[in-house]
N, C-alpha and C. Protein backbone atom coordinates (compact mmCIF):
# COMPACT_ATOMS: atom_id res chain seq x y z
N GLU A 1 -3.97 86.41 -40.74
CA GLU A 1 -3.76 85.18 -39.90
C GLU A 1 -2.31 85.75 -38.65
N GLU A 2 -2.64 85.09 -37.40
CA GLU A 2 -2.04 85.81 -36.27
C GLU A 2 -0.99 85.59 -36.83
N SER A 3 0.15 84.46 -36.84
CA SER A 3 1.74 84.41 -37.31
C SER A 3 1.98 85.27 -38.13
N VAL A 4 1.23 85.43 -38.84
CA VAL A 4 1.44 86.72 -40.27
C VAL A 4 1.42 87.99 -39.62
N LEU A 5 0.60 88.58 -38.88
CA LEU A 5 0.44 89.51 -37.86
C LEU A 5 1.90 89.82 -37.24
N SER A 6 2.16 88.70 -36.79
CA SER A 6 3.08 88.73 -35.17
C SER A 6 4.66 88.47 -35.80
N LYS A 7 4.62 88.39 -36.99
CA LYS A 7 6.08 89.05 -37.79
C LYS A 7 6.14 90.42 -37.87
N GLN A 8 5.40 91.62 -37.85
CA GLN A 8 5.18 93.00 -38.04
C GLN A 8 5.77 93.72 -36.27
N PHE A 9 5.57 92.76 -35.69
CA PHE A 9 6.08 93.31 -34.39
C PHE A 9 7.63 92.25 -33.64
N GLU A 10 8.39 92.98 -32.29
CA GLU A 10 9.53 92.48 -32.08
C GLU A 10 9.34 92.10 -30.54
N THR A 11 7.79 92.58 -30.12
CA THR A 11 7.34 92.06 -28.77
C THR A 11 6.08 91.90 -28.50
N PRO A 12 6.01 91.40 -27.50
CA PRO A 12 4.33 90.58 -27.22
C PRO A 12 3.64 91.60 -27.68
N PHE A 13 2.31 91.64 -28.20
CA PHE A 13 1.04 92.35 -27.97
C PHE A 13 -0.25 91.64 -27.61
N PHE A 14 -1.13 92.57 -27.62
CA PHE A 14 -2.43 91.60 -27.69
C PHE A 14 -3.39 92.11 -28.72
N ILE A 15 -4.53 91.05 -28.92
CA ILE A 15 -5.53 91.22 -29.92
C ILE A 15 -6.53 91.44 -29.04
N THR A 16 -7.49 92.22 -29.36
CA THR A 16 -8.82 92.64 -28.33
C THR A 16 -10.03 92.71 -28.98
N HIS A 17 -11.21 92.55 -28.18
CA HIS A 17 -12.45 92.77 -28.97
C HIS A 17 -12.45 91.89 -30.39
N PHE A 18 -12.26 90.88 -30.08
CA PHE A 18 -12.77 89.80 -31.25
C PHE A 18 -14.68 90.05 -31.73
N PRO A 19 -14.88 89.73 -32.78
CA PRO A 19 -15.97 89.75 -33.11
C PRO A 19 -17.09 88.37 -32.52
N VAL A 20 -18.07 88.43 -32.28
CA VAL A 20 -18.86 87.50 -31.51
C VAL A 20 -18.88 86.15 -32.10
N SER A 21 -19.33 86.26 -33.30
CA SER A 21 -18.95 85.20 -34.08
C SER A 21 -17.92 84.32 -33.93
N THR A 22 -16.58 84.89 -33.68
CA THR A 22 -15.67 84.14 -33.64
C THR A 22 -15.07 83.46 -32.52
N ARG A 23 -16.19 83.78 -31.29
CA ARG A 23 -15.83 83.33 -29.80
C ARG A 23 -16.52 82.06 -29.33
N SER A 24 -16.15 81.72 -28.28
CA SER A 24 -17.38 80.58 -27.72
C SER A 24 -18.23 81.65 -27.49
N PHE A 25 -19.44 81.00 -26.95
CA PHE A 25 -20.66 81.31 -25.94
C PHE A 25 -20.51 82.10 -24.79
N TYR A 26 -19.37 81.47 -24.02
CA TYR A 26 -19.40 81.92 -23.16
C TYR A 26 -18.76 83.22 -22.69
N HIS A 27 -18.09 83.88 -23.69
CA HIS A 27 -17.74 84.94 -23.82
C HIS A 27 -18.35 86.14 -23.73
N MET A 28 -18.30 87.29 -22.42
CA MET A 28 -19.35 88.26 -22.71
C MET A 28 -19.05 88.98 -23.73
N ASN A 29 -20.31 89.69 -24.40
CA ASN A 29 -20.14 90.82 -25.38
C ASN A 29 -20.11 92.25 -24.30
N ASP A 30 -19.09 93.24 -25.14
CA ASP A 30 -18.83 94.33 -24.89
C ASP A 30 -19.68 95.17 -24.46
N PRO A 31 -20.33 95.68 -23.65
CA PRO A 31 -21.51 96.50 -23.07
C PRO A 31 -21.64 97.66 -24.12
N SER A 32 -20.23 97.87 -24.65
CA SER A 32 -20.45 99.27 -25.50
C SER A 32 -20.67 98.87 -26.89
N ASN A 33 -19.91 97.69 -27.05
CA ASN A 33 -20.58 97.13 -28.67
C ASN A 33 -20.63 95.82 -28.69
N PRO A 34 -21.88 95.44 -28.61
CA PRO A 34 -22.47 94.45 -28.42
C PRO A 34 -21.95 93.45 -29.59
N ASN A 35 -21.35 93.73 -31.15
CA ASN A 35 -20.83 92.79 -32.04
C ASN A 35 -19.61 92.15 -31.47
N VAL A 36 -18.91 92.46 -30.43
CA VAL A 36 -17.61 91.74 -29.73
C VAL A 36 -17.79 91.96 -28.66
N THR A 37 -16.54 90.84 -28.48
CA THR A 37 -16.50 90.39 -27.26
C THR A 37 -15.25 90.77 -26.40
N LEU A 38 -15.47 90.78 -24.70
CA LEU A 38 -14.61 91.17 -24.22
C LEU A 38 -13.80 90.11 -23.78
N SER A 39 -12.54 89.93 -25.01
CA SER A 39 -11.91 88.84 -25.10
C SER A 39 -10.67 89.16 -25.68
N SER A 40 -9.57 88.25 -25.44
CA SER A 40 -8.10 88.85 -26.08
C SER A 40 -7.02 87.52 -26.28
N ASP A 41 -6.18 87.85 -27.17
CA ASP A 41 -5.35 86.75 -27.65
C ASP A 41 -3.74 87.59 -27.25
N LEU A 42 -2.81 87.22 -26.57
CA LEU A 42 -1.67 87.24 -26.24
C LEU A 42 -0.65 87.26 -27.73
N ILE A 43 -0.53 87.81 -28.48
CA ILE A 43 0.53 86.86 -29.39
C ILE A 43 1.90 87.09 -29.12
N ALA A 44 2.65 86.39 -29.57
CA ALA A 44 4.45 86.43 -29.62
C ALA A 44 4.85 86.97 -30.49
N PRO A 45 5.82 87.88 -31.05
CA PRO A 45 6.38 88.29 -31.66
C PRO A 45 7.01 87.53 -32.78
N GLU A 46 7.46 87.77 -33.91
CA GLU A 46 8.54 87.10 -34.95
C GLU A 46 8.11 86.14 -35.34
N GLY A 47 6.43 86.04 -35.77
CA GLY A 47 6.02 84.92 -36.57
C GLY A 47 5.80 83.60 -35.53
N TYR A 48 5.77 83.45 -34.33
CA TYR A 48 5.61 82.67 -33.36
C TYR A 48 3.91 82.50 -33.09
N GLY A 49 3.10 83.63 -33.37
CA GLY A 49 1.69 83.48 -33.01
C GLY A 49 1.75 83.61 -31.86
N GLU A 50 -0.01 82.77 -31.34
CA GLU A 50 -0.82 83.02 -30.33
C GLU A 50 -0.22 82.22 -29.20
N ILE A 51 -0.15 82.61 -27.93
CA ILE A 51 0.42 82.15 -26.83
C ILE A 51 -0.48 81.75 -25.52
N THR A 52 -1.45 82.94 -25.54
CA THR A 52 -2.79 82.73 -24.68
C THR A 52 -3.89 83.35 -25.20
N SER A 53 -4.96 82.85 -24.92
CA SER A 53 -6.37 83.31 -25.25
C SER A 53 -7.00 83.40 -23.83
N GLY A 54 -7.78 84.43 -23.26
CA GLY A 54 -8.83 84.44 -22.41
C GLY A 54 -10.22 85.58 -22.76
N GLY A 55 -10.68 85.80 -21.59
CA GLY A 55 -11.45 86.92 -21.59
C GLY A 55 -12.67 86.67 -20.55
N GLN A 56 -13.55 87.83 -20.39
CA GLN A 56 -14.49 87.93 -19.67
C GLN A 56 -15.46 86.79 -20.00
N ARG A 57 -15.90 85.90 -18.91
CA ARG A 57 -17.09 84.97 -18.98
C ARG A 57 -18.19 85.70 -18.54
N ILE A 58 -19.40 85.02 -19.08
CA ILE A 58 -20.67 85.37 -18.54
C ILE A 58 -21.05 85.25 -17.52
N HIS A 59 -21.53 85.74 -16.32
CA HIS A 59 -21.75 85.36 -15.47
C HIS A 59 -23.34 85.18 -14.72
N ARG A 60 -24.36 85.81 -15.54
CA ARG A 60 -25.55 85.84 -15.17
C ARG A 60 -26.29 84.67 -15.84
N TYR A 61 -26.79 84.22 -15.24
CA TYR A 61 -27.27 82.83 -15.72
C TYR A 61 -28.41 83.01 -17.07
N GLU A 62 -29.15 84.22 -17.28
CA GLU A 62 -29.99 84.40 -18.02
C GLU A 62 -29.36 85.09 -19.16
N ASP A 63 -28.53 85.64 -18.75
CA ASP A 63 -27.41 86.16 -20.15
C ASP A 63 -26.88 84.87 -21.12
N LEU A 64 -26.41 83.92 -20.30
CA LEU A 64 -25.73 83.01 -20.85
C LEU A 64 -26.77 82.10 -21.45
N VAL A 65 -28.21 81.61 -20.98
CA VAL A 65 -28.88 81.18 -21.73
C VAL A 65 -29.60 81.55 -22.84
N ASN A 66 -29.74 83.16 -23.07
CA ASN A 66 -29.54 83.83 -24.31
C ASN A 66 -28.53 83.33 -25.19
N LYS A 67 -27.41 83.80 -24.83
CA LYS A 67 -26.23 83.86 -25.59
C LYS A 67 -26.38 82.22 -26.27
N ILE A 68 -26.57 81.16 -25.51
CA ILE A 68 -26.37 79.70 -26.03
C ILE A 68 -27.41 79.81 -27.22
N LYS A 69 -28.56 79.90 -26.93
CA LYS A 69 -29.46 80.02 -28.18
C LYS A 69 -29.56 80.81 -29.28
N SER A 70 -28.78 81.96 -28.81
CA SER A 70 -28.34 82.95 -30.22
C SER A 70 -27.27 82.08 -30.81
N PHE A 71 -26.47 81.21 -30.18
CA PHE A 71 -25.38 80.23 -31.12
C PHE A 71 -26.09 78.93 -31.86
N GLY A 72 -27.34 79.21 -31.19
CA GLY A 72 -28.10 77.85 -32.24
C GLY A 72 -28.02 76.47 -31.35
N LEU A 73 -27.90 76.91 -29.93
CA LEU A 73 -27.46 75.80 -29.30
C LEU A 73 -28.45 75.39 -28.14
N ASP A 74 -28.43 74.03 -27.76
CA ASP A 74 -29.69 73.45 -27.22
C ASP A 74 -29.21 73.92 -25.72
N PRO A 75 -29.81 74.70 -24.67
CA PRO A 75 -29.25 74.47 -23.15
C PRO A 75 -29.17 73.84 -22.40
N ASN A 76 -30.36 72.84 -22.73
CA ASN A 76 -30.45 71.73 -21.88
C ASN A 76 -28.99 70.87 -21.68
N GLU A 77 -28.54 71.10 -22.93
CA GLU A 77 -27.29 70.05 -23.15
C GLU A 77 -25.91 71.04 -22.34
N TYR A 78 -25.93 71.54 -21.82
CA TYR A 78 -25.14 72.81 -21.02
C TYR A 78 -25.68 73.02 -19.46
N GLY A 79 -26.51 72.06 -19.19
CA GLY A 79 -27.24 72.52 -17.61
C GLY A 79 -25.90 72.09 -16.89
N TRP A 80 -25.11 71.49 -16.51
CA TRP A 80 -24.18 71.24 -15.37
C TRP A 80 -23.57 72.65 -15.63
N TYR A 81 -23.50 73.56 -16.85
CA TYR A 81 -22.35 74.87 -16.89
C TYR A 81 -23.49 75.80 -16.12
N LEU A 82 -24.95 75.69 -16.63
CA LEU A 82 -26.04 76.47 -16.63
C LEU A 82 -26.15 76.17 -14.88
N ASP A 83 -25.85 75.35 -14.46
CA ASP A 83 -26.30 75.45 -12.71
C ASP A 83 -25.33 76.24 -11.96
N LEU A 84 -23.96 76.19 -12.17
CA LEU A 84 -22.82 77.18 -11.76
C LEU A 84 -23.04 78.64 -11.85
N ARG A 85 -24.01 79.21 -12.42
CA ARG A 85 -24.45 80.41 -12.11
C ARG A 85 -25.97 80.45 -11.57
N LYS A 86 -26.60 79.34 -11.72
CA LYS A 86 -28.35 79.76 -10.71
C LYS A 86 -28.12 80.26 -9.57
N PHE A 87 -27.31 80.04 -8.85
CA PHE A 87 -27.36 80.71 -7.33
C PHE A 87 -26.15 82.06 -7.29
N GLY A 88 -25.77 82.40 -8.20
CA GLY A 88 -24.97 83.38 -8.05
C GLY A 88 -23.61 83.30 -8.40
N MET A 89 -22.97 83.86 -9.31
CA MET A 89 -21.66 83.75 -10.11
C MET A 89 -21.06 85.29 -10.11
N PRO A 90 -19.77 85.64 -9.50
CA PRO A 90 -19.67 86.88 -9.68
C PRO A 90 -18.76 87.34 -10.67
N PRO A 91 -18.77 88.08 -11.31
CA PRO A 91 -17.98 88.85 -12.40
C PRO A 91 -16.52 87.92 -12.68
N HIS A 92 -16.05 87.47 -13.45
CA HIS A 92 -14.57 86.60 -13.42
C HIS A 92 -14.49 86.65 -14.89
N SER A 93 -13.08 86.38 -15.40
CA SER A 93 -12.21 85.94 -16.29
C SER A 93 -11.72 84.90 -16.28
N GLY A 94 -10.82 84.18 -17.83
CA GLY A 94 -9.97 83.37 -17.63
C GLY A 94 -9.50 83.32 -18.56
N PHE A 95 -8.31 82.70 -18.64
CA PHE A 95 -7.41 82.71 -19.60
C PHE A 95 -6.58 81.21 -19.67
N GLY A 96 -6.12 80.95 -21.52
CA GLY A 96 -5.55 79.53 -21.33
C GLY A 96 -4.37 79.80 -21.92
N LEU A 97 -3.15 79.14 -21.47
CA LEU A 97 -1.74 79.63 -21.46
C LEU A 97 -1.18 78.59 -22.21
N GLY A 98 -0.82 78.48 -23.67
CA GLY A 98 -0.11 77.43 -23.85
C GLY A 98 1.14 77.24 -23.73
N VAL A 99 1.54 76.31 -23.03
CA VAL A 99 2.74 76.10 -22.44
C VAL A 99 3.73 76.07 -23.72
N GLU A 100 3.61 75.00 -24.02
CA GLU A 100 4.30 74.47 -25.44
C GLU A 100 4.56 75.65 -25.98
N ARG A 101 3.51 76.61 -26.81
CA ARG A 101 3.72 77.55 -27.59
C ARG A 101 5.00 78.79 -26.99
N THR A 102 4.38 78.94 -25.75
CA THR A 102 5.61 80.13 -24.84
C THR A 102 6.62 79.34 -24.98
N VAL A 103 7.13 78.24 -24.45
CA VAL A 103 8.53 77.37 -24.55
C VAL A 103 8.94 77.33 -25.85
N ARG A 104 8.09 77.26 -26.94
CA ARG A 104 8.62 77.43 -28.35
C ARG A 104 9.29 78.50 -28.55
N TRP A 105 8.54 79.74 -28.08
CA TRP A 105 8.73 81.37 -28.09
C TRP A 105 9.76 81.23 -27.76
N LEU A 106 9.70 81.32 -26.19
CA LEU A 106 11.27 81.82 -25.17
C LEU A 106 12.69 81.15 -25.65
N LEU A 107 12.67 79.96 -26.39
CA LEU A 107 13.62 78.87 -26.94
C LEU A 107 14.11 79.10 -28.32
N ARG A 108 13.11 79.83 -29.00
CA ARG A 108 13.14 80.15 -30.83
C ARG A 108 13.52 78.78 -31.34
N LEU A 109 12.53 77.57 -30.95
CA LEU A 109 12.16 76.58 -31.52
C LEU A 109 11.45 76.66 -32.77
N PRO A 110 12.07 75.56 -33.88
CA PRO A 110 11.25 75.95 -35.17
C PRO A 110 9.42 75.56 -34.97
N HIS A 111 9.56 74.61 -34.33
CA HIS A 111 8.12 73.98 -34.59
C HIS A 111 7.68 73.57 -32.88
N VAL A 112 6.50 73.79 -32.63
CA VAL A 112 5.73 73.59 -31.16
C VAL A 112 5.94 72.00 -30.87
N ARG A 113 6.18 71.03 -31.79
CA ARG A 113 6.58 69.74 -31.10
C ARG A 113 7.94 69.44 -30.69
N ASP A 114 8.79 70.73 -31.09
CA ASP A 114 10.33 70.49 -30.21
C ASP A 114 10.04 70.97 -28.84
N ALA A 115 8.92 71.42 -28.45
CA ALA A 115 8.22 72.03 -27.18
C ALA A 115 7.72 71.02 -26.58
N THR A 116 7.24 69.98 -27.36
CA THR A 116 6.08 68.89 -26.53
C THR A 116 7.08 68.12 -26.19
N LEU A 117 6.57 67.39 -24.91
CA LEU A 117 7.46 66.30 -24.36
C LEU A 117 6.84 64.89 -24.86
N PHE A 118 5.73 64.48 -25.36
CA PHE A 118 5.58 63.64 -26.30
C PHE A 118 4.41 64.44 -27.68
N PRO A 119 5.16 64.33 -28.63
CA PRO A 119 4.12 64.99 -29.58
C PRO A 119 3.55 63.77 -30.31
N ARG A 120 2.48 64.20 -30.68
CA ARG A 120 2.06 63.29 -31.91
C ARG A 120 2.03 63.95 -33.38
N THR A 121 2.56 63.10 -33.76
CA THR A 121 2.68 63.49 -35.39
C THR A 121 2.10 62.24 -36.21
N PRO A 122 1.96 62.63 -37.54
CA PRO A 122 1.51 61.66 -38.58
C PRO A 122 2.22 59.84 -37.87
N SER A 123 3.55 59.58 -37.74
CA SER A 123 4.30 58.38 -37.89
C SER A 123 4.18 58.12 -36.62
N ARG A 124 4.08 58.94 -35.49
CA ARG A 124 3.61 58.80 -34.12
C ARG A 124 2.33 58.82 -33.42
N LEU A 125 1.64 58.39 -32.97
CA LEU A 125 0.29 58.47 -32.54
C LEU A 125 0.31 58.25 -31.31
N TYR A 126 1.10 57.61 -30.72
CA TYR A 126 1.01 57.21 -29.37
C TYR A 126 2.39 57.44 -28.32
N PRO A 127 2.35 57.84 -27.06
CA PRO A 127 3.21 58.09 -26.41
C PRO A 127 4.16 57.52 -26.34
């Protein structure tokens, strides 16, 4: 688990090249090793765990259709997403930053809910 691994470090670090089976269909496979993706997670040290996740996206229409099918999904359900690639898409990457997770790490808070403006807990489901 990432939080256990992060306890072994004192500075943030990246984990890269995740197995294809652990990432979403839109992550590009590594051309030099098609069993892993061109993806990464940034892990905060001292047990705080993942703070961002990202990777290179598949930008070619045919490659994306094939990957969707390889995941056992129906390409027709992703028409709007596939349409973005029909007329050309440049190679690109993306990432998602966990703002609350980052704030938790920077402020050394005990739980992510302490960094969330309106946390949802079992006793509080509405803001």
